[in-house]
């Protein structure tokens, strides 16, 4: 599972044949959440679009750290957005990071 992005779009490759792509301009909301998973927690970012599509990326995917580093350059995120993601509780409410 891989995450690819540039200044125009995000692509998430889930397996050999399934790719999901969205344009950054179509993103209406970005949220983060965590779930319990063996042996700890998995963090997800959820990207909702104008057309009702949703793409999820997790910290178990290659490209995750690069995505975290690039998001502030693409969206006007709060200065403490990454702390909000880190501090989210597994099983808790989504943390909304961006809303258009």
Protein backbone atom coordinates (compact mmCIF):
# COMPACT_ATOMS: atom_id res chain seq x y z
CA UNK A 1 0.00 0.00 0.00
CA UNK A 2 1.50 3.26 -1.15
CA UNK A 3 0.75 6.98 -1.05
CA UNK A 4 1.76 9.23 -3.95
CA UNK A 5 1.09 12.94 -4.22
CA UNK A 6 2.22 16.13 -5.84
CA UNK A 7 1.00 19.73 -5.77
CA UNK A 8 -2.13 18.79 -7.76
CA UNK A 9 -3.33 15.38 -6.60
CA UNK A 10 -3.22 12.47 -4.17
CA UNK A 11 -3.12 8.82 -5.21
CA UNK A 12 -3.40 5.85 -2.88
CA UNK A 13 -2.52 2.40 -4.18
CA UNK A 14 -4.24 -0.23 -2.06
CA UNK A 15 -3.03 -3.27 -3.98
CA UNK A 16 -1.86 -4.29 -7.45
CA UNK A 17 -5.04 -3.26 -9.26
CA UNK A 18 -6.77 -0.69 -7.07
CA UNK A 19 -5.72 2.95 -7.19
CA UNK A 20 -7.75 5.88 -5.91
CA UNK A 21 -6.88 9.41 -6.99
CA UNK A 22 -8.28 12.81 -6.11
CA UNK A 23 -7.44 16.38 -7.02
CA UNK A 24 -6.49 18.61 -4.11
CA UNK A 25 -8.87 21.28 -5.44
CA UNK A 26 -11.76 18.84 -4.93
CA UNK A 27 -11.00 18.19 -1.24
CA UNK A 28 -13.67 19.61 1.06
CA UNK A 29 -12.56 18.08 4.35
CA UNK A 30 -9.55 16.38 5.91
CA UNK A 31 -9.97 14.48 9.16
CA UNK A 32 -7.80 12.16 11.23
CA UNK A 33 -8.69 9.24 13.44
CA UNK A 34 -7.03 6.31 15.16
CA UNK A 35 -8.10 2.72 15.67
CA UNK A 36 -6.77 -0.01 17.91
CA UNK A 37 -4.83 -2.62 15.98
CA UNK A 38 -2.39 -5.27 17.05
CA UNK A 39 0.12 -4.42 18.45
CA UNK A 40 -0.93 -0.77 18.98
CA UNK A 41 -2.77 1.89 17.02
CA UNK A 42 -3.16 2.86 13.37
CA UNK A 43 -3.62 6.50 12.37
CA UNK A 44 -5.71 7.44 9.33
CA UNK A 45 -6.21 10.62 7.33
CA UNK A 46 -9.54 10.84 5.52
CA UNK A 47 -9.93 13.08 2.47
CA UNK A 48 -13.52 13.91 1.46
CA UNK A 49 -14.24 15.46 -1.93
CA UNK A 50 -16.88 17.61 -3.60
CA UNK A 51 -18.15 14.56 -5.49
CA UNK A 52 -18.71 12.55 -2.31
CA UNK A 53 -15.64 10.36 -2.74
CA UNK A 54 -13.45 9.50 0.23
CA UNK A 55 -9.86 8.36 0.24
CA UNK A 56 -8.11 7.11 3.35
CA UNK A 57 -4.39 6.88 3.97
CA UNK A 58 -2.77 5.31 7.03
CA UNK A 59 0.52 5.43 8.84
CA UNK A 60 1.12 1.84 7.71
CA UNK A 61 1.47 2.96 4.07
CA UNK A 62 4.72 3.93 2.43
CA UNK A 63 4.74 7.65 1.69
CA UNK A 64 2.94 8.55 4.96
CA UNK A 65 5.71 10.73 6.38
CA UNK A 66 6.14 12.50 3.05
CA UNK A 67 2.39 13.19 2.96
CA UNK A 68 2.49 14.64 6.48
CA UNK A 69 5.38 16.86 5.45
CA UNK A 70 3.62 18.04 2.28
CA UNK A 71 0.10 18.75 3.53
CA UNK A 72 0.90 22.12 5.14
CA UNK A 73 2.22 23.33 1.77
CA UNK A 74 -1.03 22.35 0.03
CA UNK A 75 -3.66 23.32 2.64
CA UNK A 76 -3.91 26.08 5.21
CA UNK A 77 -3.69 23.78 8.22
CA UNK A 78 -3.54 25.03 11.79
CA UNK A 79 -0.04 25.34 13.17
CA UNK A 80 -0.71 22.53 15.67
CA UNK A 81 -2.43 20.18 13.20
CA UNK A 82 0.18 17.45 13.56
CA UNK A 83 -0.07 17.57 17.36
CA UNK A 84 -3.84 17.13 16.98
CA UNK A 85 -3.25 14.01 14.90
CA UNK A 86 -0.71 12.61 17.34
CA UNK A 87 -2.93 13.37 20.36
CA UNK A 88 -6.09 11.81 18.85
CA UNK A 89 -7.40 8.93 20.93
CA UNK A 90 -7.94 5.53 19.35
CA UNK A 91 -11.65 4.89 19.08
CA UNK A 92 -12.39 8.57 19.69
CA UNK A 93 -13.98 11.21 17.49
CA UNK A 94 -12.49 12.31 14.20
CA UNK A 95 -10.21 15.33 14.40
CA UNK A 96 -11.12 17.76 11.61
CA UNK A 97 -7.96 19.33 10.22
CA UNK A 98 -9.38 21.17 7.21
CA UNK A 99 -12.83 22.12 6.01
CA UNK A 100 -13.64 24.08 2.87
